[in-house]
Amino acid sequence: MFDFGYLPGKDSRIRELIATDNDAAITVLRLVLGIVSFAHGAQKMLGWFGGHGFAGTMGFFTGMMHVPAVLAFLAIAAEFFGGLGLIFGLFTRVAAFGILCNMLVAVAMVHHQFGFFMNWSGTQKGEGFEFHPLALAITVFLMVRGAGAASVDRLLCSPAKNSIRGEVRPQAA
């Protein structure tokens, strides 16, 4: 199913980590979750899309939510770099695991108290957790199946099938 001829060390753990097939449906799930996660991570890390940036988010997590600084940093990094990892399909299983951890903690610490539904009408004090099970299902799927087609993982695990080869012609003397 997987060809690992390109990477050294046939029984390398890295091979197991990046193993994937050429499935386009996996790519769609990976890209959608990657874009959504990156956008939220960019709010927290860079202050893009109306976010508060790294300092503001760290202050909120550590001050208001009493999250230890190391865990607050890991949450921001998992969402930002995990989103990028999913977009590029690089170490997809690790990226998906980081996002899975973020989603579980978000539900347990914040969103469960507001019920299942998101706050579409503005009548709740916060957002429910209806988004999180979808993200969790996608992360588990990606952890099991890998990155799919159009991914760096796929190129690394099977370059002979996915790279463009140029012909080498002998030069005339």
C-alpha atoms as a PDB file:
ATOM      1  CA  MET A   1       0.000   0.000   0.000  1.00  0.00           C
ATOM      2  CA  PHE A   2       2.778   2.470   0.883  1.00  0.00           C
ATOM      3  CA  ASP A   3       6.173   2.771  -0.826  1.00  0.00           C
ATOM      4  CA  PHE A   4       8.960   3.974   1.449  1.00  0.00           C
ATOM      5  CA  GLY A   5      11.856   3.509  -0.930  1.00  0.00           C
ATOM      6  CA  TYR A   6      12.928   7.165  -0.737  1.00  0.00           C
ATOM      7  CA  LEU A   7      13.605   7.483   2.988  1.00  0.00           C
ATOM      8  CA  PRO A   8      16.578   5.797   4.658  1.00  0.00           C
ATOM      9  CA  GLY A   9      16.052   3.125   7.312  1.00  0.00           C
ATOM     10  CA  LYS A  10      13.244   0.775   6.266  1.00  0.00           C
ATOM     11  CA  ASP A  11      11.867   0.416   9.802  1.00  0.00           C
ATOM     12  CA  SER A  12      12.083   4.092  10.714  1.00  0.00           C
ATOM     13  CA  ARG A  13       9.372   5.574  12.949  1.00  0.00           C
ATOM     14  CA  ILE A  14       9.256   8.589  10.661  1.00  0.00           C
ATOM     15  CA  ARG A  15       7.987   6.301   7.897  1.00  0.00           C
ATOM     16  CA  GLU A  16       5.061   5.222  10.031  1.00  0.00           C
ATOM     17  CA  LEU A  17       4.374   8.837  10.920  1.00  0.00           C
ATOM     18  CA  ILE A  18       4.111  10.082   7.331  1.00  0.00           C
ATOM     19  CA  ALA A  19       2.676   6.983   5.646  1.00  0.00           C
ATOM     20  CA  THR A  20      -0.345   7.819   3.528  1.00  0.00           C
ATOM     21  CA  ASP A  21      -2.031   7.018   0.250  1.00  0.00           C
ATOM     22  CA  ASN A  22      -3.083   9.173  -2.682  1.00  0.00           C
ATOM     23  CA  ASP A  23      -6.702   9.693  -1.570  1.00  0.00           C
ATOM     24  CA  ALA A  24      -8.162  13.045  -2.658  1.00  0.00           C
ATOM     25  CA  ALA A  25     -11.039  12.864  -0.142  1.00  0.00           C
ATOM     26  CA  ILE A  26      -8.529  12.841   2.722  1.00  0.00           C
ATOM     27  CA  THR A  27      -6.925  15.911   1.183  1.00  0.00           C
ATOM     28  CA  VAL A  28     -10.224  17.795   1.254  1.00  0.00           C
ATOM     29  CA  LEU A  29     -10.751  17.049   4.959  1.00  0.00           C
ATOM     30  CA  ARG A  30      -7.133  17.923   5.762  1.00  0.00           C
ATOM     31  CA  LEU A  31      -7.239  21.234   3.906  1.00  0.00           C
ATOM     32  CA  VAL A  32     -10.565  22.368   5.368  1.00  0.00           C
ATOM     33  CA  LEU A  33      -9.518  21.631   8.949  1.00  0.00           C
ATOM     34  CA  GLY A  34      -6.075  23.116   8.258  1.00  0.00           C
ATOM     35  CA  ILE A  35      -7.493  26.399   6.969  1.00  0.00           C
ATOM     36  CA  VAL A  36      -9.959  26.729   9.860  1.00  0.00           C
ATOM     37  CA  SER A  37      -7.306  25.848  12.459  1.00  0.00           C
ATOM     38  CA  PHE A  38      -4.692  28.123  10.922  1.00  0.00           C
ATOM     39  CA  ALA A  39      -7.118  31.058  10.839  1.00  0.00           C
ATOM     40  CA  HIS A  40      -7.909  30.622  14.543  1.00  0.00           C
ATOM     41  CA  GLY A  41      -4.237  30.062  15.339  1.00  0.00           C
ATOM     42  CA  ALA A  42      -3.262  33.206  13.389  1.00  0.00           C
ATOM     43  CA  GLN A  43      -5.722  35.195  15.504  1.00  0.00           C
ATOM     44  CA  LYS A  44      -3.971  33.962  18.623  1.00  0.00           C
ATOM     45  CA  MET A  45      -0.365  33.998  17.376  1.00  0.00           C
ATOM     46  CA  LEU A  46      -0.271  37.015  15.041  1.00  0.00           C
ATOM     47  CA  GLY A  47      -3.381  39.046  15.800  1.00  0.00           C
ATOM     48  CA  TRP A  48      -4.717  38.457  12.281  1.00  0.00           C
ATOM     49  CA  PHE A  49      -8.451  38.289  11.469  1.00  0.00           C
ATOM     50  CA  GLY A  50      -9.435  40.399  14.479  1.00  0.00           C
ATOM     51  CA  GLY A  51      -7.456  38.373  17.018  1.00  0.00           C
ATOM     52  CA  HIS A  52      -5.547  39.677  20.026  1.00  0.00           C
ATOM     53  CA  GLY A  53      -2.131  38.334  19.032  1.00  0.00           C
ATOM     54  CA  PHE A  54       0.306  36.310  21.079  1.00  0.00           C
ATOM     55  CA  ALA A  55       0.664  38.630  24.068  1.00  0.00           C
ATOM     56  CA  GLY A  56      -3.073  39.261  24.343  1.00  0.00           C
ATOM     57  CA  THR A  57      -3.954  35.592  24.040  1.00  0.00           C
ATOM     58  CA  MET A  58      -1.275  34.520  26.513  1.00  0.00           C
ATOM     59  CA  GLY A  59      -2.553  37.157  28.935  1.00  0.00           C
ATOM     60  CA  PHE A  60      -6.129  35.910  28.591  1.00  0.00           C
ATOM     61  CA  PHE A  61      -5.202  32.233  28.917  1.00  0.00           C
ATOM     62  CA  THR A  62      -2.898  32.706  31.903  1.00  0.00           C
ATOM     63  CA  GLY A  63      -4.720  35.569  33.653  1.00  0.00           C
ATOM     64  CA  MET A  64      -8.425  35.035  33.063  1.00  0.00           C
ATOM     65  CA  MET A  65      -8.470  31.271  32.526  1.00  0.00           C
ATOM     66  CA  HIS A  66      -5.564  30.427  34.870  1.00  0.00           C
ATOM     67  CA  VAL A  67      -3.922  28.143  32.308  1.00  0.00           C
ATOM     68  CA  PRO A  68      -0.213  27.558  33.035  1.00  0.00           C
ATOM     69  CA  ALA A  69       1.972  29.532  30.591  1.00  0.00           C
ATOM     70  CA  VAL A  70       3.549  26.410  29.071  1.00  0.00           C
ATOM     71  CA  LEU A  71       0.137  24.916  28.290  1.00  0.00           C
ATOM     72  CA  ALA A  72      -1.164  28.239  26.951  1.00  0.00           C
ATOM     73  CA  PHE A  73       1.836  28.436  24.618  1.00  0.00           C
ATOM     74  CA  LEU A  74       1.325  24.843  23.479  1.00  0.00           C
ATOM     75  CA  ALA A  75      -2.355  25.545  22.740  1.00  0.00           C
ATOM     76  CA  ILE A  76      -1.494  28.556  20.586  1.00  0.00           C
ATOM     77  CA  ALA A  77       1.342  26.710  18.831  1.00  0.00           C
ATOM     78  CA  ALA A  78      -0.769  23.599  18.201  1.00  0.00           C
ATOM     79  CA  GLU A  79      -3.505  25.602  16.521  1.00  0.00           C
ATOM     80  CA  PHE A  80      -1.188  27.834  14.473  1.00  0.00           C
ATOM     81  CA  PHE A  81       1.520  25.340  13.463  1.00  0.00           C
ATOM     82  CA  GLY A  82      -0.940  22.437  13.402  1.00  0.00           C
ATOM     83  CA  GLY A  83      -3.059  24.372  10.916  1.00  0.00           C
ATOM     84  CA  LEU A  84       0.004  25.020   8.751  1.00  0.00           C
ATOM     85  CA  GLY A  85       1.021  21.366   9.028  1.00  0.00           C
ATOM     86  CA  LEU A  86      -2.404  20.276   7.829  1.00  0.00           C
ATOM     87  CA  ILE A  87      -2.460  22.780   4.966  1.00  0.00           C
ATOM     88  CA  PHE A  88       0.883  21.519   3.670  1.00  0.00           C
ATOM     89  CA  GLY A  89       0.297  17.923   4.716  1.00  0.00           C
ATOM     90  CA  LEU A  90       3.540  17.891   6.695  1.00  0.00           C
ATOM     91  CA  PHE A  91       3.617  15.566   9.709  1.00  0.00           C
ATOM     92  CA  THR A  92      -0.152  15.436   9.438  1.00  0.00           C
ATOM     93  CA  ARG A  93      -0.640  12.950  12.255  1.00  0.00           C
ATOM     94  CA  VAL A  94       1.284  15.158  14.707  1.00  0.00           C
ATOM     95  CA  ALA A  95      -0.577  18.279  13.556  1.00  0.00           C
ATOM     96  CA  ALA A  96      -3.936  16.514  13.863  1.00  0.00           C
ATOM     97  CA  PHE A  97      -3.045  15.273  17.356  1.00  0.00           C
ATOM     98  CA  GLY A  98      -2.227  18.804  18.510  1.00  0.00           C
ATOM     99  CA  ILE A  99      -5.546  20.090  17.189  1.00  0.00           C
ATOM    100  CA  LEU A 100      -7.373  17.141  18.759  1.00  0.00           C
ATOM    101  CA  CYS A 101      -5.880  18.071  22.149  1.00  0.00           C
ATOM    102  CA  ASN A 102      -6.933  21.703  21.659  1.00  0.00           C
ATOM    103  CA  MET A 103     -10.508  20.714  20.829  1.00  0.00           C
ATOM    104  CA  LEU A 104     -10.810  18.370  23.821  1.00  0.00           C
ATOM    105  CA  VAL A 105      -9.499  21.016  26.219  1.00  0.00           C
ATOM    106  CA  ALA A 106     -11.712  23.726  24.689  1.00  0.00           C
ATOM    107  CA  VAL A 107     -14.824  21.614  25.218  1.00  0.00           C
ATOM    108  CA  ALA A 108     -13.825  20.509  28.723  1.00  0.00           C
ATOM    109  CA  MET A 109     -12.748  23.935  29.974  1.00  0.00           C
ATOM    110  CA  VAL A 110     -15.060  26.345  28.168  1.00  0.00           C
ATOM    111  CA  HIS A 111     -17.716  25.249  25.704  1.00  0.00           C
ATOM    112  CA  HIS A 112     -19.487  22.400  27.531  1.00  0.00           C
ATOM    113  CA  GLN A 113     -21.125  24.846  29.948  1.00  0.00           C
ATOM    114  CA  PHE A 114     -22.980  26.571  27.095  1.00  0.00           C
ATOM    115  CA  GLY A 115     -24.577  23.407  25.725  1.00  0.00           C
ATOM    116  CA  PHE A 116     -24.364  21.802  22.330  1.00  0.00           C
ATOM    117  CA  PHE A 117     -25.439  24.600  19.995  1.00  0.00           C
ATOM    118  CA  MET A 118     -23.348  27.568  18.971  1.00  0.00           C
ATOM    119  CA  ASN A 119     -24.628  31.027  19.854  1.00  0.00           C
ATOM    120  CA  TRP A 120     -26.184  31.946  16.520  1.00  0.00           C
ATOM    121  CA  SER A 121     -28.930  34.090  18.044  1.00  0.00           C
ATOM    122  CA  GLY A 122     -26.728  35.819  20.626  1.00  0.00           C
ATOM    123  CA  THR A 123     -28.884  34.671  23.555  1.00  0.00           C
ATOM    124  CA  GLN A 124     -26.259  32.483  25.267  1.00  0.00           C
ATOM    125  CA  LYS A 125     -23.322  33.733  27.324  1.00  0.00           C
ATOM    126  CA  GLY A 126     -20.906  31.760  25.135  1.00  0.00           C
ATOM    127  CA  GLU A 127     -20.519  29.312  22.288  1.00  0.00           C
ATOM    128  CA  GLY A 128     -21.627  25.684  22.531  1.00  0.00           C
ATOM    129  CA  PHE A 129     -19.568  22.754  21.308  1.00  0.00           C
ATOM    130  CA  GLU A 130     -21.323  21.673  18.104  1.00  0.00           C
ATOM    131  CA  PHE A 131     -18.219  22.488  15.998  1.00  0.00           C
ATOM    132  CA  HIS A 132     -15.825  20.490  18.153  1.00  0.00           C
ATOM    133  CA  PRO A 133     -17.121  16.940  17.464  1.00  0.00           C
ATOM    134  CA  LEU A 134     -16.686  17.600  13.735  1.00  0.00           C
ATOM    135  CA  ALA A 135     -13.109  18.751  14.230  1.00  0.00           C
ATOM    136  CA  LEU A 136     -12.439  15.807  16.551  1.00  0.00           C
ATOM    137  CA  ALA A 137     -13.773  13.316  14.004  1.00  0.00           C
ATOM    138  CA  ILE A 138     -11.595  14.809  11.265  1.00  0.00           C
ATOM    139  CA  THR A 139      -8.481  14.775  13.469  1.00  0.00           C
ATOM    140  CA  VAL A 140      -9.003  11.121  14.384  1.00  0.00           C
ATOM    141  CA  PHE A 141      -9.522  10.261  10.716  1.00  0.00           C
ATOM    142  CA  LEU A 142      -6.311  12.088   9.737  1.00  0.00           C
ATOM    143  CA  MET A 143      -4.367  10.416  12.542  1.00  0.00           C
ATOM    144  CA  VAL A 144      -5.480   7.018  11.232  1.00  0.00           C
ATOM    145  CA  ARG A 145      -5.186   7.632   7.484  1.00  0.00           C
ATOM    146  CA  GLY A 146      -2.484  10.293   7.154  1.00  0.00           C
ATOM    147  CA  ALA A 147      -2.323  13.279   4.826  1.00  0.00           C
ATOM    148  CA  GLY A 148      -3.647  11.849   1.567  1.00  0.00           C
ATOM    149  CA  ALA A 149      -2.888  13.274  -1.866  1.00  0.00           C
ATOM    150  CA  ALA A 150      -1.195  16.617  -2.514  1.00  0.00           C
ATOM    151  CA  SER A 151       0.837  16.520   0.689  1.00  0.00           C
ATOM    152  CA  VAL A 152       4.470  16.774   1.685  1.00  0.00           C
ATOM    153  CA  ASP A 153       4.018  13.519   3.611  1.00  0.00           C
ATOM    154  CA  ARG A 154       2.930  11.780   0.400  1.00  0.00           C
ATOM    155  CA  LEU A 155       5.893  13.160  -1.519  1.00  0.00           C
ATOM    156  CA  LEU A 156       8.302  11.996   1.177  1.00  0.00           C
ATOM    157  CA  CYS A 157       6.868   8.514   1.505  1.00  0.00           C
ATOM    158  CA  SER A 158       6.594   7.787  -2.214  1.00  0.00           C
ATOM    159  CA  PRO A 159       8.550  10.190  -4.440  1.00  0.00           C
ATOM    160  CA  ALA A 160       8.897   7.746  -7.327  1.00  0.00           C
ATOM    161  CA  LYS A 161       5.145   7.866  -7.921  1.00  0.00           C
ATOM    162  CA  ASN A 162       4.659  11.577  -7.234  1.00  0.00           C
ATOM    163  CA  SER A 163       7.677  13.470  -8.543  1.00  0.00           C
ATOM    164  CA  ILE A 164       8.319  14.845 -11.968  1.00  0.00           C
ATOM    165  CA  ARG A 165      11.412  13.240 -13.413  1.00  0.00           C
ATOM    166  CA  GLY A 166      13.649  14.942 -15.888  1.00  0.00           C
ATOM    167  CA  GLU A 167      15.639  12.991 -18.440  1.00  0.00           C
ATOM    168  CA  VAL A 168      19.403  13.125 -18.278  1.00  0.00           C
ATOM    169  CA  ARG A 169      20.967  13.096 -21.710  1.00  0.00           C
ATOM    170  CA  PRO A 170      24.680  12.538 -22.302  1.00  0.00           C
ATOM    171  CA  GLN A 171      26.460  15.643 -23.533  1.00  0.00           C
ATOM    172  CA  ALA A 172      28.270  15.547 -26.861  1.00  0.00           C
ATOM    173  CA  ALA A 173      32.026  16.064 -26.544  1.00  0.00           C
END
